[in-house]
Amino acid sequence: MSEAVPAVQAARDPLASRIPITVITGFLGSGKTTLLGKLLRHPGMDRAAVVINEFGDVPLDHELVASSTERTALLASGCLCCTLRTDLQETLRDLYARRRAGEVIDFDRIFVETTGLADPVPVLHSLQTDGFLAAHFRLNGVVTLVDAVNGSGQLDREPEAVKQAAVADRLVVTKTDIAGADDVAALRERLARLNPYARIATAVAGELDPRFLADIAPASAAAGDDELDRWLPRAAAALAQSGGPRLFERPISAGGPHDARVRSFCLRFDEPFTWDALHTVLETLAALRGPDLLRMKGIVRVVGEPGPVVVQGAQHVFHEPVRLAATGTSEPGSRIVFIVRGIAPDAVRALFAAVAGLAS
């Protein structure tokens, strides 16, 4: 995180002016391209752009293509498909420049499909560490597809599959039309234990309601409680313990060998942070255990800020905090969700308590 937080002009909405990017990930054969192909047929997706790694499982259904150039293809639905042939930063910069020049459609969202073996975290890093991308794009969310036929075995054998599910904002169980009902139910239960803060949906033959993927993260600085809860569901609201950071943990009691190292928990705070305290604790956590900090996201209260502040990060990189406007209805206090690998929740809670104590 940067040491200084720049002032935000009241008349400017820093979120509404940025193009949302949704990362579509999932292990080999999970159905990412099938889902995207059907998703792009929906009328509301006629201004979407898709960036697909050329080393992906299979190419996008080019029967949908209306016209193409060396770098992009205009789909019959009106969507734009772009093959990732260099690094993601360069591809996104090129797309934005061509959009501004009127050379491609005026797309209003981007889907980035990763390869089946890819770690989605570097994509999240690209959006934060590249100043140009951070100014013009925003992360909508990570959507992970899990194959109902082979997903449980992949979670048992492949730590990368576990990580893809752990960092997700949305989980989509695919191939439910050819899997047994008991297998689908068991997989959904396992995913809910692995990542209890992600919403789960099922896709039948690749069909999914586009609304499930829309506006995952707050799309406006004026976001209300409903929008915030879609991104970060309220947890541990009924805890009776008071004073200091309160821990709400959902341990993984079953599943494969890789699941056991992944833990998810939520810390809640009654008192607001100072900016210095918040920066210090997150930077310390990232420095000490960055590789194992799979995902962190929170809605926090900061001294001097009229509304809540959105914070999120993955491993050692944190996105710039986003101030939201005061709505008058947002719940008091802060909640921060952590999905970690091999980190004891009490250690994180103790770090927050120590820094808060120094700052008070």
Protein backbone atom coordinates (compact mmCIF):
# COMPACT_ATOMS: atom_id res chain seq x y z
CA MET A 1 0.00 0.00 0.00
CA SER A 2 1.16 3.52 -0.62
CA GLU A 3 2.18 5.59 2.37
CA ALA A 4 -0.08 8.51 1.56
CA VAL A 5 -3.73 8.42 0.63
CA PRO A 6 -4.56 11.10 -1.96
CA ALA A 7 -7.52 13.33 -1.42
CA VAL A 8 -10.66 12.46 -3.34
CA GLN A 9 -12.63 15.21 -4.98
CA ALA A 10 -16.20 15.15 -3.73
CA ALA A 11 -17.66 15.69 -7.19
CA ARG A 12 -15.76 12.80 -8.77
CA ASP A 13 -16.74 9.16 -8.49
CA PRO A 14 -13.47 7.19 -8.73
CA LEU A 15 -15.27 3.93 -9.43
CA ALA A 16 -17.89 4.90 -11.99
CA SER A 17 -15.28 6.20 -14.44
CA ARG A 18 -13.25 2.97 -14.48
CA ILE A 19 -13.99 -0.01 -16.72
CA PRO A 20 -14.73 -3.15 -14.67
CA ILE A 21 -12.61 -6.25 -15.26
CA THR A 22 -13.87 -9.70 -14.30
CA VAL A 23 -11.31 -12.50 -14.10
CA ILE A 24 -12.62 -15.92 -15.16
CA THR A 25 -10.48 -18.76 -13.85
CA GLY A 26 -10.81 -22.45 -13.15
CA PHE A 27 -8.86 -25.63 -13.63
CA LEU A 28 -8.39 -27.38 -16.98
CA GLY A 29 -11.67 -28.53 -18.45
CA SER A 30 -13.85 -26.56 -16.05
CA GLY A 31 -15.82 -24.98 -18.90
CA LYS A 32 -14.55 -21.40 -18.93
CA THR A 33 -14.73 -20.96 -22.70
CA THR A 34 -18.13 -22.65 -22.91
CA LEU A 35 -19.54 -20.34 -20.26
CA LEU A 36 -18.06 -17.25 -21.90
CA GLY A 37 -19.38 -18.22 -25.31
CA LYS A 38 -22.93 -18.51 -23.98
CA LEU A 39 -22.61 -15.50 -21.73
CA LEU A 40 -21.70 -13.27 -24.66
CA ARG A 41 -24.92 -14.19 -26.46
CA HIS A 42 -26.99 -12.34 -23.86
CA PRO A 43 -28.23 -8.92 -25.06
CA GLY A 44 -26.79 -7.12 -22.07
CA MET A 45 -23.31 -8.29 -23.01
CA ASP A 46 -23.18 -6.67 -26.44
CA ARG A 47 -20.53 -4.18 -25.29
CA ALA A 48 -18.26 -6.63 -23.52
CA ALA A 49 -14.65 -7.30 -24.42
CA VAL A 50 -13.01 -10.65 -23.76
CA VAL A 51 -9.29 -11.24 -23.37
CA ILE A 52 -8.36 -14.90 -23.83
CA ASN A 53 -4.91 -16.38 -23.36
CA GLU A 54 -3.85 -18.04 -26.60
CA PHE A 55 -2.66 -21.01 -24.59
CA GLY A 56 -6.14 -21.56 -23.17
CA ASP A 57 -7.96 -24.86 -23.24
CA VAL A 58 -9.79 -24.27 -26.52
CA PRO A 59 -10.36 -21.20 -28.69
CA LEU A 60 -13.59 -19.25 -28.40
CA ASP A 61 -16.29 -20.57 -30.70
CA HIS A 62 -15.31 -18.75 -33.87
CA GLU A 63 -18.65 -19.52 -35.44
CA LEU A 64 -19.65 -16.47 -33.42
CA VAL A 65 -17.12 -14.28 -35.22
CA ALA A 66 -18.49 -11.60 -37.54
CA SER A 67 -15.16 -10.06 -38.56
CA SER A 68 -11.61 -10.12 -37.29
CA THR A 69 -8.19 -8.53 -37.48
CA GLU A 70 -4.83 -9.90 -36.43
CA ARG A 71 -5.37 -8.89 -32.81
CA THR A 72 -9.13 -8.81 -32.27
CA ALA A 73 -12.33 -10.45 -33.44
CA LEU A 74 -15.74 -8.80 -33.50
CA LEU A 75 -18.30 -11.39 -32.47
CA ALA A 76 -21.70 -11.62 -34.05
CA SER A 77 -23.19 -10.58 -30.70
CA GLY A 78 -21.34 -7.27 -30.94
CA CYS A 79 -18.75 -8.29 -28.31
CA LEU A 80 -15.04 -7.94 -28.84
CA CYS A 81 -12.64 -10.87 -28.47
CA CYS A 82 -8.93 -10.23 -28.04
CA THR A 83 -6.22 -12.89 -27.93
CA LEU A 84 -3.58 -12.36 -25.28
CA ARG A 85 -0.29 -12.63 -27.18
CA THR A 86 1.91 -10.48 -24.98
CA ASP A 87 1.55 -9.63 -21.30
CA LEU A 88 -1.79 -8.57 -19.90
CA GLN A 89 -0.75 -4.98 -19.19
CA GLU A 90 0.21 -4.38 -22.81
CA THR A 91 -2.97 -6.00 -24.09
CA LEU A 92 -5.21 -3.89 -21.84
CA ARG A 93 -3.33 -0.71 -22.69
CA ASP A 94 -3.72 -1.46 -26.40
CA LEU A 95 -7.43 -2.19 -26.04
CA TYR A 96 -8.03 1.04 -24.14
CA ALA A 97 -6.10 3.11 -26.70
CA ARG A 98 -8.00 1.55 -29.61
CA ARG A 99 -11.30 2.14 -27.80
CA ARG A 100 -10.42 5.82 -27.34
CA ALA A 101 -9.46 6.06 -31.03
CA GLY A 102 -12.74 4.46 -32.14
CA GLU A 103 -10.95 1.48 -33.69
CA VAL A 104 -12.91 -1.07 -31.64
CA ILE A 105 -16.33 -1.08 -29.99
CA ASP A 106 -16.93 1.19 -27.01
CA PHE A 107 -16.80 -1.74 -24.58
CA ASP A 108 -18.12 -1.20 -21.08
CA ARG A 109 -16.59 -4.24 -19.35
CA ILE A 110 -13.81 -6.77 -19.83
CA PHE A 111 -13.64 -10.48 -19.07
CA VAL A 112 -10.15 -11.95 -18.75
CA GLU A 113 -10.03 -15.74 -19.14
CA THR A 114 -6.95 -17.33 -17.60
CA THR A 115 -5.48 -20.68 -18.59
CA GLY A 116 -6.52 -23.73 -16.61
CA LEU A 117 -3.20 -23.91 -14.79
CA ALA A 118 -2.94 -20.19 -14.12
CA ASP A 119 -2.75 -18.47 -10.78
CA PRO A 120 -5.23 -15.54 -10.96
CA VAL A 121 -3.29 -13.43 -8.45
CA PRO A 122 -0.81 -11.95 -11.01
CA VAL A 123 -3.80 -10.58 -12.91
CA LEU A 124 -4.92 -8.79 -9.75
CA HIS A 125 -1.40 -7.46 -9.28
CA SER A 126 -1.36 -6.08 -12.82
CA LEU A 127 -4.39 -3.91 -12.11
CA GLN A 128 -2.73 -2.40 -9.05
CA THR A 129 0.94 -2.07 -9.91
CA ASP A 130 0.42 -0.50 -13.35
CA GLY A 131 -0.53 3.15 -12.78
CA PHE A 132 -2.27 3.52 -16.15
CA LEU A 133 -4.42 0.42 -15.63
CA ALA A 134 -5.29 1.41 -12.07
CA ALA A 135 -6.51 4.80 -13.33
CA HIS A 136 -8.75 3.41 -16.09
CA PHE A 137 -9.83 -0.05 -14.93
CA ARG A 138 -11.12 -1.57 -11.71
CA LEU A 139 -11.40 -5.15 -10.52
CA ASN A 140 -15.00 -6.32 -10.56
CA GLY A 141 -14.14 -9.72 -9.13
CA VAL A 142 -12.66 -13.17 -9.56
CA VAL A 143 -15.00 -15.90 -10.82
CA THR A 144 -13.77 -19.48 -10.46
CA LEU A 145 -15.37 -22.37 -12.31
CA VAL A 146 -15.24 -25.84 -10.76
CA ASP A 147 -16.12 -28.98 -12.73
CA ALA A 148 -18.76 -31.05 -10.91
CA VAL A 149 -17.46 -34.25 -12.51
CA ASN A 150 -13.73 -33.84 -11.87
CA GLY A 151 -13.57 -30.92 -9.45
CA SER A 152 -13.31 -32.87 -6.21
CA GLY A 153 -10.41 -34.92 -7.54
CA GLN A 154 -8.67 -31.80 -8.79
CA LEU A 155 -9.05 -30.16 -5.39
CA ASP A 156 -7.51 -33.29 -3.83
CA ARG A 157 -4.53 -33.44 -6.20
CA GLU A 158 -3.86 -29.89 -7.36
CA PRO A 159 -2.98 -27.09 -4.92
CA GLU A 160 -3.52 -24.59 -7.77
CA ALA A 161 -7.18 -25.65 -8.02
CA VAL A 162 -7.60 -25.02 -4.30
CA LYS A 163 -6.02 -21.58 -4.63
CA GLN A 164 -8.28 -20.68 -7.57
CA ALA A 165 -11.33 -21.51 -5.45
CA ALA A 166 -9.97 -19.77 -2.36
CA VAL A 167 -9.40 -16.37 -4.00
CA ALA A 168 -12.78 -16.28 -5.77
CA ASP A 169 -15.54 -13.73 -5.22
CA ARG A 170 -17.95 -16.00 -7.10
CA LEU A 171 -17.83 -19.78 -7.53
CA VAL A 172 -19.61 -21.49 -10.42
CA VAL A 173 -20.12 -25.26 -10.39
CA THR A 174 -20.20 -26.48 -14.00
CA LYS A 175 -21.19 -29.72 -15.78
CA THR A 176 -23.99 -30.28 -13.30
CA ASP A 177 -26.09 -31.75 -16.11
CA ILE A 178 -23.76 -34.77 -16.39
CA ALA A 179 -22.79 -35.17 -12.72
CA GLY A 180 -24.68 -36.98 -10.02
CA ALA A 181 -26.83 -34.91 -7.69
CA ASP A 182 -24.94 -36.19 -4.62
CA ASP A 183 -21.60 -35.29 -6.20
CA VAL A 184 -22.82 -31.76 -6.98
CA ALA A 185 -24.12 -31.28 -3.43
CA ALA A 186 -20.87 -32.59 -1.90
CA LEU A 187 -18.77 -30.29 -4.10
CA ARG A 188 -20.87 -27.24 -3.24
CA GLU A 189 -20.53 -28.04 0.46
CA ARG A 190 -16.77 -28.42 0.14
CA LEU A 191 -16.44 -25.13 -1.73
CA ALA A 192 -18.56 -23.38 0.89
CA ARG A 193 -16.15 -24.57 3.59
CA LEU A 194 -13.11 -23.61 1.53
CA ASN A 195 -14.39 -20.12 0.71
CA PRO A 196 -17.47 -19.23 2.78
CA TYR A 197 -17.38 -15.60 1.61
CA ALA A 198 -17.95 -16.39 -2.07
CA ARG A 199 -21.41 -16.83 -3.53
CA ILE A 200 -21.95 -20.15 -5.32
CA ALA A 201 -24.07 -20.81 -8.41
CA THR A 202 -24.47 -23.75 -10.77
CA ALA A 203 -24.22 -23.60 -14.55
CA VAL A 204 -26.20 -26.10 -16.60
CA ALA A 205 -24.66 -26.78 -20.02
CA GLY A 206 -22.70 -23.55 -19.65
CA GLU A 207 -25.78 -21.37 -19.03
CA LEU A 208 -25.54 -18.84 -16.21
CA ASP A 209 -27.57 -15.76 -15.38
CA PRO A 210 -25.30 -12.80 -16.29
CA ARG A 211 -26.53 -10.91 -13.23
CA PHE A 212 -24.53 -13.31 -11.06
CA LEU A 213 -21.33 -11.85 -12.52
CA ALA A 214 -22.42 -8.21 -12.70
CA ASP A 215 -21.44 -5.60 -10.11
CA ILE A 216 -19.60 -8.01 -7.83
CA ALA A 217 -17.52 -5.20 -6.35
CA PRO A 218 -18.99 -1.77 -5.59
CA ALA A 219 -19.49 0.05 -8.89
CA SER A 220 -19.94 3.50 -7.40
CA ALA A 221 -18.59 5.51 -4.51
CA ALA A 222 -22.23 5.89 -3.47
CA ALA A 223 -22.63 2.11 -3.02
CA GLY A 224 -25.13 1.16 -0.34
CA ASP A 225 -25.33 -1.76 2.05
CA ASP A 226 -26.89 -4.13 -0.50
CA GLU A 227 -24.02 -3.61 -2.94
CA LEU A 228 -21.40 -4.00 -0.22
CA ASP A 229 -23.02 -7.20 1.01
CA ARG A 230 -22.91 -8.69 -2.48
CA TRP A 231 -19.15 -8.21 -2.44
CA LEU A 232 -18.47 -9.00 1.21
CA PRO A 233 -21.33 -10.77 3.00
CA ARG A 234 -21.85 -9.79 6.60
CA ALA A 235 -20.45 -12.36 8.99
CA ALA A 236 -20.35 -12.79 12.75
CA ALA A 237 -22.93 -10.06 13.27
CA ALA A 238 -24.36 -11.89 16.25
CA LEU A 239 -21.07 -12.39 18.13
CA ALA A 240 -21.51 -11.41 21.74
CA GLN A 241 -17.83 -10.74 22.41
CA SER A 242 -16.99 -7.06 22.50
CA GLY A 243 -13.88 -4.96 22.72
CA GLY A 244 -10.91 -5.31 20.40
CA PRO A 245 -10.82 -7.38 17.23
CA ARG A 246 -13.38 -10.19 17.18
CA LEU A 247 -12.60 -13.36 15.32
CA PHE A 248 -15.13 -15.28 13.27
CA GLU A 249 -13.58 -18.37 11.72
CA ARG A 250 -14.96 -21.09 9.51
CA PRO A 251 -12.39 -23.89 9.73
CA ILE A 252 -12.23 -26.52 7.02
CA SER A 253 -13.01 -29.76 8.81
CA ALA A 254 -13.01 -32.05 5.78
CA GLY A 255 -11.81 -32.23 2.22
CA GLY A 256 -8.54 -32.96 0.51
CA PRO A 257 -4.99 -32.56 1.84
CA HIS A 258 -4.55 -29.13 0.25
CA ASP A 259 -7.75 -27.77 1.79
CA ALA A 260 -6.45 -28.27 5.32
CA ARG A 261 -3.80 -25.53 4.95
CA VAL A 262 -6.33 -22.98 3.68
CA ARG A 263 -8.34 -21.10 6.29
CA SER A 264 -10.89 -18.34 6.03
CA PHE A 265 -11.84 -15.99 8.80
CA CYS A 266 -13.30 -12.56 9.42
CA LEU A 267 -12.07 -9.95 11.87
CA ARG A 268 -14.49 -7.32 13.12
CA PHE A 269 -13.57 -4.06 14.82
CA ASP A 270 -15.82 -1.71 16.75
CA GLU A 271 -13.43 1.25 16.78
CA PRO A 272 -12.30 3.02 13.59
CA PHE A 273 -8.71 2.78 12.33
CA THR A 274 -6.37 5.65 11.73
CA TRP A 275 -4.90 5.63 8.23
CA ASP A 276 -1.42 5.10 9.70
CA ALA A 277 -2.52 2.09 11.74
CA LEU A 278 -4.32 0.50 8.79
CA HIS A 279 -1.33 0.95 6.48
CA THR A 280 1.08 -0.34 9.09
CA VAL A 281 -0.76 -3.54 9.90
CA LEU A 282 -1.44 -4.50 6.28
CA GLU A 283 2.08 -3.74 5.13
CA THR A 284 3.51 -5.72 8.05
CA LEU A 285 1.27 -8.68 7.29
CA ALA A 286 2.22 -8.60 3.62
CA ALA A 287 5.93 -8.35 4.43
CA LEU A 288 5.86 -11.23 6.90
CA ARG A 289 3.44 -13.64 5.20
CA GLY A 290 2.70 -12.22 1.77
CA PRO A 291 2.88 -15.48 -0.23
CA ASP A 292 0.35 -17.12 2.10
CA LEU A 293 -2.08 -14.20 2.19
CA LEU A 294 -4.22 -15.54 -0.65
CA ARG A 295 -6.92 -12.88 -0.48
CA MET A 296 -7.93 -10.08 1.84
CA LYS A 297 -10.87 -7.75 1.45
CA GLY A 298 -12.65 -5.53 3.86
CA ILE A 299 -15.03 -2.68 4.51
CA VAL A 300 -13.44 -0.52 7.17
CA ARG A 301 -14.08 2.65 9.10
CA VAL A 302 -11.27 5.19 9.21
CA VAL A 303 -11.01 8.23 11.46
CA GLY A 304 -11.98 11.36 9.53
CA GLU A 305 -13.75 9.54 6.70
CA PRO A 306 -17.53 10.11 6.55
CA GLY A 307 -18.21 6.78 4.83
CA PRO A 308 -16.72 3.28 4.73
CA VAL A 309 -13.48 2.49 2.92
CA VAL A 310 -13.01 -0.55 0.67
CA VAL A 311 -9.67 -2.34 0.98
CA GLN A 312 -8.50 -5.48 -0.79
CA GLY A 313 -5.33 -7.27 -1.74
CA ALA A 314 -3.74 -10.56 -2.66
CA GLN A 315 -0.42 -11.81 -1.32
CA HIS A 316 1.99 -8.86 -1.06
CA VAL A 317 0.07 -6.33 -3.18
CA PHE A 318 -2.86 -4.21 -1.97
CA HIS A 319 -5.16 -2.14 -4.12
CA GLU A 320 -5.52 1.55 -3.42
CA PRO A 321 -8.21 2.05 -0.75
CA VAL A 322 -11.48 3.37 -2.17
CA ARG A 323 -13.51 5.85 -0.15
CA LEU A 324 -17.27 5.45 -0.33
CA ALA A 325 -19.78 8.18 0.33
CA ALA A 326 -21.66 8.27 3.61
CA THR A 327 -25.10 6.71 3.08
CA GLY A 328 -26.46 7.00 6.59
CA THR A 329 -27.36 3.29 6.61
CA SER A 330 -23.99 1.50 6.56
CA GLU A 331 -23.31 -0.65 9.59
CA PRO A 332 -20.83 0.74 12.12
CA GLY A 333 -17.43 -0.81 12.65
CA SER A 334 -15.18 -2.68 10.23
CA ARG A 335 -15.06 -6.21 8.86
CA ILE A 336 -12.08 -7.71 7.08
CA VAL A 337 -12.06 -11.17 5.52
CA PHE A 338 -8.86 -13.17 5.16
CA ILE A 339 -8.29 -16.32 3.14
CA VAL A 340 -4.85 -17.61 4.02
CA ARG A 341 -2.61 -20.62 3.70
CA GLY A 342 -0.96 -21.89 6.87
CA ILE A 343 -1.47 -18.68 8.89
CA ALA A 344 -3.04 -18.92 12.33
CA PRO A 345 -6.03 -16.55 12.67
CA ASP A 346 -4.95 -15.64 16.21
CA ALA A 347 -1.62 -14.38 14.86
CA VAL A 348 -3.38 -11.97 12.52
CA ARG A 349 -5.71 -10.83 15.29
CA ALA A 350 -2.74 -10.25 17.61
CA LEU A 351 -0.98 -8.15 14.96
CA PHE A 352 -4.04 -5.93 14.55
CA ALA A 353 -4.38 -5.59 18.33
CA ALA A 354 -0.72 -4.67 18.74
CA VAL A 355 -0.78 -2.01 16.02
CA ALA A 356 -4.09 -0.59 17.28
CA GLY A 357 -2.60 -0.39 20.75
CA LEU A 358 0.44 1.50 19.48
CA ALA A 359 -1.77 3.90 17.53
CA SER A 360 -4.13 4.70 20.39
